[in-house]
Amino acid sequence: MTTVSVRLSGHEKEELRKYGKLSTVVRDAIDLYLATMRSKRAIRRLRELQRANELKTNVETDIRLIKEDRGR
């Protein structure tokens, strides 16, 4: 398993501890960050495809595709 070091101030540490065990909170934050990046990549790819193929999608389709991507 890989170890990641994070520097936190005393105040940041106490704030994070309000949400649970520090290592769990940081792990959840990393998971959320990665999910956000996957979603941004999917939206960027959709926009590229729309430009390339002159296709248009609606908001509902975009949301469905993002939810499908997050489920992977």
PDB file of N, CA and C in Angstrom:
ATOM      1  N   MET A   1       0.839  -1.171   0.000  1.00  0.00           N
ATOM      2  CA  MET A   1       0.000   0.000   0.000  1.00  0.00           C
ATOM      3  C   MET A   1       0.883   1.232   0.000  1.00  0.00           C
ATOM      4  N   THR A   2       0.480   2.226  -0.753  1.00  0.00           N
ATOM      5  CA  THR A   2       1.232   3.465  -0.854  1.00  0.00           C
ATOM      6  C   THR A   2       0.897   4.381   0.314  1.00  0.00           C
ATOM      7  N   THR A   3       1.899   5.079   0.799  1.00  0.00           N
ATOM      8  CA  THR A   3       1.709   6.023   1.890  1.00  0.00           C
ATOM      9  C   THR A   3       1.759   7.433   1.326  1.00  0.00           C
ATOM     10  N   VAL A   4       0.829   8.262   1.761  1.00  0.00           N
ATOM     11  CA  VAL A   4       0.790   9.652   1.332  1.00  0.00           C
ATOM     12  C   VAL A   4       0.922  10.520   2.566  1.00  0.00           C
ATOM     13  N   SER A   5       1.821  11.497   2.503  1.00  0.00           N
ATOM     14  CA  SER A   5       2.005  12.427   3.619  1.00  0.00           C
ATOM     15  C   SER A   5       1.277  13.725   3.307  1.00  0.00           C
ATOM     16  N   VAL A   6       0.580  14.241   4.305  1.00  0.00           N
ATOM     17  CA  VAL A   6      -0.166  15.483   4.146  1.00  0.00           C
ATOM     18  C   VAL A   6       0.209  16.405   5.291  1.00  0.00           C
ATOM     19  N   ARG A   7       0.552  17.644   4.972  1.00  0.00           N
ATOM     20  CA  ARG A   7       0.884  18.622   6.012  1.00  0.00           C
ATOM     21  C   ARG A   7      -0.371  19.415   6.346  1.00  0.00           C
ATOM     22  N   LEU A   8      -0.709  19.440   7.625  1.00  0.00           N
ATOM     23  CA  LEU A   8      -1.883  20.163   8.091  1.00  0.00           C
ATOM     24  C   LEU A   8      -1.516  21.031   9.277  1.00  0.00           C
ATOM     25  N   SER A   9      -2.168  22.167   9.361  1.00  0.00           N
ATOM     26  CA  SER A   9      -1.984  22.997  10.554  1.00  0.00           C
ATOM     27  C   SER A   9      -2.804  22.366  11.677  1.00  0.00           C
ATOM     28  N   GLY A  10      -2.557  22.797  12.885  1.00  0.00           N
ATOM     29  CA  GLY A  10      -3.316  22.284  14.018  1.00  0.00           C
ATOM     30  C   GLY A  10      -4.804  22.552  13.858  1.00  0.00           C
ATOM     31  N   HIS A  11      -5.135  23.730  13.358  1.00  0.00           N
ATOM     32  CA  HIS A  11      -6.542  24.094  13.146  1.00  0.00           C
ATOM     33  C   HIS A  11      -7.187  23.188  12.094  1.00  0.00           C
ATOM     34  N   GLU A  12      -6.487  22.962  10.972  1.00  0.00           N
ATOM     35  CA  GLU A  12      -7.014  22.087   9.918  1.00  0.00           C
ATOM     36  C   GLU A  12      -7.231  20.667  10.446  1.00  0.00           C
ATOM     37  N   LYS A  13      -6.289  20.209  11.229  1.00  0.00           N
ATOM     38  CA  LYS A  13      -6.373  18.863  11.801  1.00  0.00           C
ATOM     39  C   LYS A  13      -7.610  18.724  12.682  1.00  0.00           C
ATOM     40  N   GLU A  14      -7.850  19.702  13.533  1.00  0.00           N
ATOM     41  CA  GLU A  14      -9.013  19.665  14.415  1.00  0.00           C
ATOM     42  C   GLU A  14     -10.317  19.748  13.619  1.00  0.00           C
ATOM     43  N   GLU A  15     -10.334  20.587  12.582  1.00  0.00           N
ATOM     44  CA  GLU A  15     -11.528  20.699  11.736  1.00  0.00           C
ATOM     45  C   GLU A  15     -11.837  19.366  11.059  1.00  0.00           C
ATOM     46  N   LEU A  16     -10.817  18.699  10.536  1.00  0.00           N
ATOM     47  CA  LEU A  16     -11.024  17.419   9.863  1.00  0.00           C
ATOM     48  C   LEU A  16     -11.459  16.329  10.835  1.00  0.00           C
ATOM     49  N   ARG A  17     -10.956  16.368  12.047  1.00  0.00           N
ATOM     50  CA  ARG A  17     -11.314  15.354  13.049  1.00  0.00           C
ATOM     51  C   ARG A  17     -12.782  15.415  13.431  1.00  0.00           C
ATOM     52  N   LYS A  18     -13.435  16.544  13.167  1.00  0.00           N
ATOM     53  CA  LYS A  18     -14.871  16.653  13.441  1.00  0.00           C
ATOM     54  C   LYS A  18     -15.662  15.683  12.567  1.00  0.00           C
ATOM     55  N   TYR A  19     -15.081  15.268  11.442  1.00  0.00           N
ATOM     56  CA  TYR A  19     -15.769  14.402  10.486  1.00  0.00           C
ATOM     57  C   TYR A  19     -15.390  12.937  10.623  1.00  0.00           C
ATOM     58  N   GLY A  20     -14.546  12.621  11.574  1.00  0.00           N
ATOM     59  CA  GLY A  20     -14.160  11.236  11.792  1.00  0.00           C
ATOM     60  C   GLY A  20     -12.660  11.076  11.896  1.00  0.00           C
ATOM     61  N   LYS A  21     -12.224   9.823  11.789  1.00  0.00           N
ATOM     62  CA  LYS A  21     -10.800   9.505  11.865  1.00  0.00           C
ATOM     63  C   LYS A  21     -10.066  10.212  10.728  1.00  0.00           C
ATOM     64  N   LEU A  22      -8.953  10.827  11.030  1.00  0.00           N
ATOM     65  CA  LEU A  22      -8.226  11.653  10.084  1.00  0.00           C
ATOM     66  C   LEU A  22      -7.881  10.908   8.800  1.00  0.00           C
ATOM     67  N   SER A  23      -7.368   9.689   8.916  1.00  0.00           N
ATOM     68  CA  SER A  23      -6.984   8.940   7.711  1.00  0.00           C
ATOM     69  C   SER A  23      -8.197   8.640   6.831  1.00  0.00           C
ATOM     70  N   THR A  24      -9.347   8.370   7.448  1.00  0.00           N
ATOM     71  CA  THR A  24     -10.565   8.083   6.688  1.00  0.00           C
ATOM     72  C   THR A  24     -11.066   9.332   5.979  1.00  0.00           C
ATOM     73  N   VAL A  25     -11.008  10.462   6.662  1.00  0.00           N
ATOM     74  CA  VAL A  25     -11.456  11.723   6.071  1.00  0.00           C
ATOM     75  C   VAL A  25     -10.585  12.079   4.867  1.00  0.00           C
ATOM     76  N   VAL A  26      -9.283  11.940   5.005  1.00  0.00           N
ATOM     77  CA  VAL A  26      -8.369  12.256   3.901  1.00  0.00           C
ATOM     78  C   VAL A  26      -8.592  11.284   2.739  1.00  0.00           C
ATOM     79  N   ARG A  27      -8.779  10.017   3.022  1.00  0.00           N
ATOM     80  CA  ARG A  27      -9.036   9.020   1.978  1.00  0.00           C
ATOM     81  C   ARG A  27     -10.333   9.356   1.230  1.00  0.00           C
ATOM     82  N   ASP A  28     -11.380   9.732   1.974  1.00  0.00           N
ATOM     83  CA  ASP A  28     -12.646  10.122   1.346  1.00  0.00           C
ATOM     84  C   ASP A  28     -12.474  11.364   0.479  1.00  0.00           C
ATOM     85  N   ALA A  29     -11.672  12.307   0.954  1.00  0.00           N
ATOM     86  CA  ALA A  29     -11.423  13.525   0.186  1.00  0.00           C
ATOM     87  C   ALA A  29     -10.714  13.207  -1.125  1.00  0.00           C
ATOM     88  N   ILE A  30      -9.767  12.295  -1.085  1.00  0.00           N
ATOM     89  CA  ILE A  30      -9.059  11.893  -2.304  1.00  0.00           C
ATOM     90  C   ILE A  30     -10.018  11.194  -3.260  1.00  0.00           C
ATOM     91  N   ASP A  31     -10.872  10.321  -2.741  1.00  0.00           N
ATOM     92  CA  ASP A  31     -11.874   9.648  -3.585  1.00  0.00           C
ATOM     93  C   ASP A  31     -12.804  10.661  -4.246  1.00  0.00           C
ATOM     94  N   LEU A  32     -13.242  11.657  -3.489  1.00  0.00           N
ATOM     95  CA  LEU A  32     -14.113  12.698  -4.034  1.00  0.00           C
ATOM     96  C   LEU A  32     -13.398  13.491  -5.116  1.00  0.00           C
ATOM     97  N   TYR A  33     -12.138  13.816  -4.875  1.00  0.00           N
ATOM     98  CA  TYR A  33     -11.346  14.541  -5.866  1.00  0.00           C
ATOM     99  C   TYR A  33     -11.230  13.741  -7.162  1.00  0.00           C
ATOM    100  N   LEU A  34     -10.935  12.459  -7.038  1.00  0.00           N
ATOM    101  CA  LEU A  34     -10.793  11.626  -8.230  1.00  0.00           C
ATOM    102  C   LEU A  34     -12.109  11.496  -8.987  1.00  0.00           C
ATOM    103  N   ALA A  35     -13.221  11.364  -8.283  1.00  0.00           N
ATOM    104  CA  ALA A  35     -14.535  11.293  -8.936  1.00  0.00           C
ATOM    105  C   ALA A  35     -14.838  12.593  -9.678  1.00  0.00           C
ATOM    106  N   THR A  36     -14.482  13.711  -9.066  1.00  0.00           N
ATOM    107  CA  THR A  36     -14.686  15.007  -9.707  1.00  0.00           C
ATOM    108  C   THR A  36     -13.859  15.122 -10.976  1.00  0.00           C
ATOM    109  N   MET A  37     -12.629  14.677 -10.917  1.00  0.00           N
ATOM    110  CA  MET A  37     -11.763  14.743 -12.099  1.00  0.00           C
ATOM    111  C   MET A  37     -12.289  13.846 -13.215  1.00  0.00           C
ATOM    112  N   ARG A  38     -12.803  12.647 -12.866  1.00  0.00           N
ATOM    113  CA  ARG A  38     -13.392  11.767 -13.887  1.00  0.00           C
ATOM    114  C   ARG A  38     -14.598  12.424 -14.540  1.00  0.00           C
ATOM    115  N   SER A  39     -15.413  13.089 -13.743  1.00  0.00           N
ATOM    116  CA  SER A  39     -16.594  13.773 -14.276  1.00  0.00           C
ATOM    117  C   SER A  39     -16.188  14.907 -15.209  1.00  0.00           C
ATOM    118  N   LYS A  40     -15.203  15.687 -14.794  1.00  0.00           N
ATOM    119  CA  LYS A  40     -14.725  16.788 -15.643  1.00  0.00           C
ATOM    120  C   LYS A  40     -14.170  16.253 -16.960  1.00  0.00           C
ATOM    121  N   ARG A  41     -13.452  15.133 -16.885  1.00  0.00           N
ATOM    122  CA  ARG A  41     -12.907  14.529 -18.101  1.00  0.00           C
ATOM    123  C   ARG A  41     -14.041  14.058 -19.021  1.00  0.00           C
ATOM    124  N   ALA A  42     -15.089  13.477 -18.439  1.00  0.00           N
ATOM    125  CA  ALA A  42     -16.226  13.008 -19.245  1.00  0.00           C
ATOM    126  C   ALA A  42     -16.937  14.180 -19.917  1.00  0.00           C
ATOM    127  N   ILE A  43     -17.129  15.261 -19.179  1.00  0.00           N
ATOM    128  CA  ILE A  43     -17.778  16.442 -19.756  1.00  0.00           C
ATOM    129  C   ILE A  43     -16.914  17.045 -20.855  1.00  0.00           C
ATOM    130  N   ARG A  44     -15.604  17.112 -20.615  1.00  0.00           N
ATOM    131  CA  ARG A  44     -14.686  17.645 -21.626  1.00  0.00           C
ATOM    132  C   ARG A  44     -14.742  16.792 -22.890  1.00  0.00           C
ATOM    133  N   ARG A  45     -14.786  15.475 -22.714  1.00  0.00           N
ATOM    134  CA  ARG A  45     -14.863  14.567 -23.864  1.00  0.00           C
ATOM    135  C   ARG A  45     -16.188  14.742 -24.609  1.00  0.00           C
ATOM    136  N   LEU A  46     -17.279  14.920 -23.886  1.00  0.00           N
ATOM    137  CA  LEU A  46     -18.576  15.167 -24.522  1.00  0.00           C
ATOM    138  C   LEU A  46     -18.536  16.436 -25.365  1.00  0.00           C
ATOM    139  N   ARG A  47     -17.936  17.471 -24.812  1.00  0.00           N
ATOM    140  CA  ARG A  47     -17.841  18.729 -25.567  1.00  0.00           C
ATOM    141  C   ARG A  47     -16.992  18.565 -26.819  1.00  0.00           C
ATOM    142  N   GLU A  48     -15.903  17.816 -26.710  1.00  0.00           N
ATOM    143  CA  GLU A  48     -15.056  17.563 -27.884  1.00  0.00           C
ATOM    144  C   GLU A  48     -15.841  16.812 -28.950  1.00  0.00           C
ATOM    145  N   LEU A  49     -16.598  15.814 -28.535  1.00  0.00           N
ATOM    146  CA  LEU A  49     -17.404  15.050 -29.485  1.00  0.00           C
ATOM    147  C   LEU A  49     -18.485  15.918 -30.118  1.00  0.00           C
ATOM    148  N   GLN A  50     -19.076  16.794 -29.341  1.00  0.00           N
ATOM    149  CA  GLN A  50     -20.091  17.684 -29.891  1.00  0.00           C
ATOM    150  C   GLN A  50     -19.493  18.595 -30.958  1.00  0.00           C
ATOM    151  N   ARG A  51     -18.310  19.112 -30.690  1.00  0.00           N
ATOM    152  CA  ARG A  51     -17.653  19.984 -31.669  1.00  0.00           C
ATOM    153  C   ARG A  51     -17.259  19.207 -32.918  1.00  0.00           C
ATOM    154  N   ALA A  52     -16.737  18.019 -32.727  1.00  0.00           N
ATOM    155  CA  ALA A  52     -16.250  17.221 -33.856  1.00  0.00           C
ATOM    156  C   ALA A  52     -17.390  16.702 -34.727  1.00  0.00           C
ATOM    157  N   ASN A  53     -18.483  16.279 -34.107  1.00  0.00           N
ATOM    158  CA  ASN A  53     -19.572  15.656 -34.849  1.00  0.00           C
ATOM    159  C   ASN A  53     -20.797  16.544 -34.980  1.00  0.00           C
ATOM    160  N   GLU A  54     -20.690  17.760 -34.482  1.00  0.00           N
ATOM    161  CA  GLU A  54     -21.801  18.703 -34.499  1.00  0.00           C
ATOM    162  C   GLU A  54     -23.058  18.095 -33.890  1.00  0.00           C
ATOM    163  N   LEU A  55     -22.866  17.255 -32.874  1.00  0.00           N
ATOM    164  CA  LEU A  55     -23.990  16.678 -32.152  1.00  0.00           C
ATOM    165  C   LEU A  55     -24.285  17.536 -30.936  1.00  0.00           C
ATOM    166  N   LYS A  56     -25.505  17.562 -30.550  1.00  0.00           N
ATOM    167  CA  LYS A  56     -25.895  18.294 -29.352  1.00  0.00           C
ATOM    168  C   LYS A  56     -26.573  17.330 -28.392  1.00  0.00           C
ATOM    169  N   THR A  57     -26.264  17.492 -27.123  1.00  0.00           N
ATOM    170  CA  THR A  57     -26.943  16.707 -26.100  1.00  0.00           C
ATOM    171  C   THR A  57     -27.646  17.681 -25.171  1.00  0.00           C
ATOM    172  N   ASN A  58     -28.593  17.174 -24.432  1.00  0.00           N
ATOM    173  CA  ASN A  58     -29.264  18.039 -23.477  1.00  0.00           C
ATOM    174  C   ASN A  58     -28.713  17.773 -22.086  1.00  0.00           C
ATOM    175  N   VAL A  59     -29.127  18.562 -21.128  1.00  0.00           N
ATOM    176  CA  VAL A  59     -28.605  18.477 -19.772  1.00  0.00           C
ATOM    177  C   VAL A  59     -28.905  17.108 -19.166  1.00  0.00           C
ATOM    178  N   GLU A  60     -30.095  16.568 -19.420  1.00  0.00           N
ATOM    179  CA  GLU A  60     -30.459  15.275 -18.858  1.00  0.00           C
ATOM    180  C   GLU A  60     -29.521  14.168 -19.348  1.00  0.00           C
ATOM    181  N   THR A  61     -29.170  14.214 -20.620  1.00  0.00           N
ATOM    182  CA  THR A  61     -28.249  13.225 -21.175  1.00  0.00           C
ATOM    183  C   THR A  61     -26.873  13.367 -20.538  1.00  0.00           C
ATOM    184  N   ASP A  62     -26.406  14.599 -20.386  1.00  0.00           N
ATOM    185  CA  ASP A  62     -25.106  14.829 -19.760  1.00  0.00           C
ATOM    186  C   ASP A  62     -25.088  14.299 -18.326  1.00  0.00           C
ATOM    187  N   ILE A  63     -26.147  14.556 -17.585  1.00  0.00           N
ATOM    188  CA  ILE A  63     -26.220  14.089 -16.197  1.00  0.00           C
ATOM    189  C   ILE A  63     -26.221  12.568 -16.149  1.00  0.00           C
ATOM    190  N   ARG A  64     -26.965  11.932 -17.044  1.00  0.00           N
ATOM    191  CA  ARG A  64     -27.010  10.468 -17.080  1.00  0.00           C
ATOM    192  C   ARG A  64     -25.621   9.900 -17.369  1.00  0.00           C
ATOM    193  N   LEU A  65     -24.919  10.489 -18.320  1.00  0.00           N
ATOM    194  CA  LEU A  65     -23.582  10.005 -18.670  1.00  0.00           C
ATOM    195  C   LEU A  65     -22.598  10.191 -17.505  1.00  0.00           C
ATOM    196  N   ILE A  66     -22.709  11.296 -16.798  1.00  0.00           N
ATOM    197  CA  ILE A  66     -21.833  11.532 -15.646  1.00  0.00           C
ATOM    198  C   ILE A  66     -22.114  10.510 -14.557  1.00  0.00           C
ATOM    199  N   LYS A  67     -23.396  10.250 -14.290  1.00  0.00           N
ATOM    200  CA  LYS A  67     -23.742   9.266 -13.262  1.00  0.00           C
ATOM    201  C   LYS A  67     -23.244   7.877 -13.643  1.00  0.00           C
ATOM    202  N   GLU A  68     -23.342   7.532 -14.920  1.00  0.00           N
ATOM    203  CA  GLU A  68     -22.832   6.236 -15.380  1.00  0.00           C
ATOM    204  C   GLU A  68     -21.319   6.157 -15.179  1.00  0.00           C
ATOM    205  N   ASP A  69     -20.622   7.263 -15.457  1.00  0.00           N
ATOM    206  CA  ASP A  69     -19.168   7.295 -15.312  1.00  0.00           C
ATOM    207  C   ASP A  69     -18.779   7.147 -13.844  1.00  0.00           C
ATOM    208  N   ARG A  70     -19.515   7.785 -12.954  1.00  0.00           N
ATOM    209  CA  ARG A  70     -19.203   7.686 -11.523  1.00  0.00           C
ATOM    210  C   ARG A  70     -19.449   6.277 -10.993  1.00  0.00           C
ATOM    211  N   GLY A  71     -20.354   5.568 -11.629  1.00  0.00           N
ATOM    212  CA  GLY A  71     -20.660   4.209 -11.183  1.00  0.00           C
ATOM    213  C   GLY A  71     -19.590   3.195 -11.515  1.00  0.00           C
ATOM    214  N   ARG A  72     -18.622   3.563 -12.331  1.00  0.00           N
ATOM    215  CA  ARG A  72     -17.564   2.627 -12.725  1.00  0.00           C
ATOM    216  C   ARG A  72     -16.585   2.407 -11.623  1.00  0.00           C
TER     217      ARG A  72
END
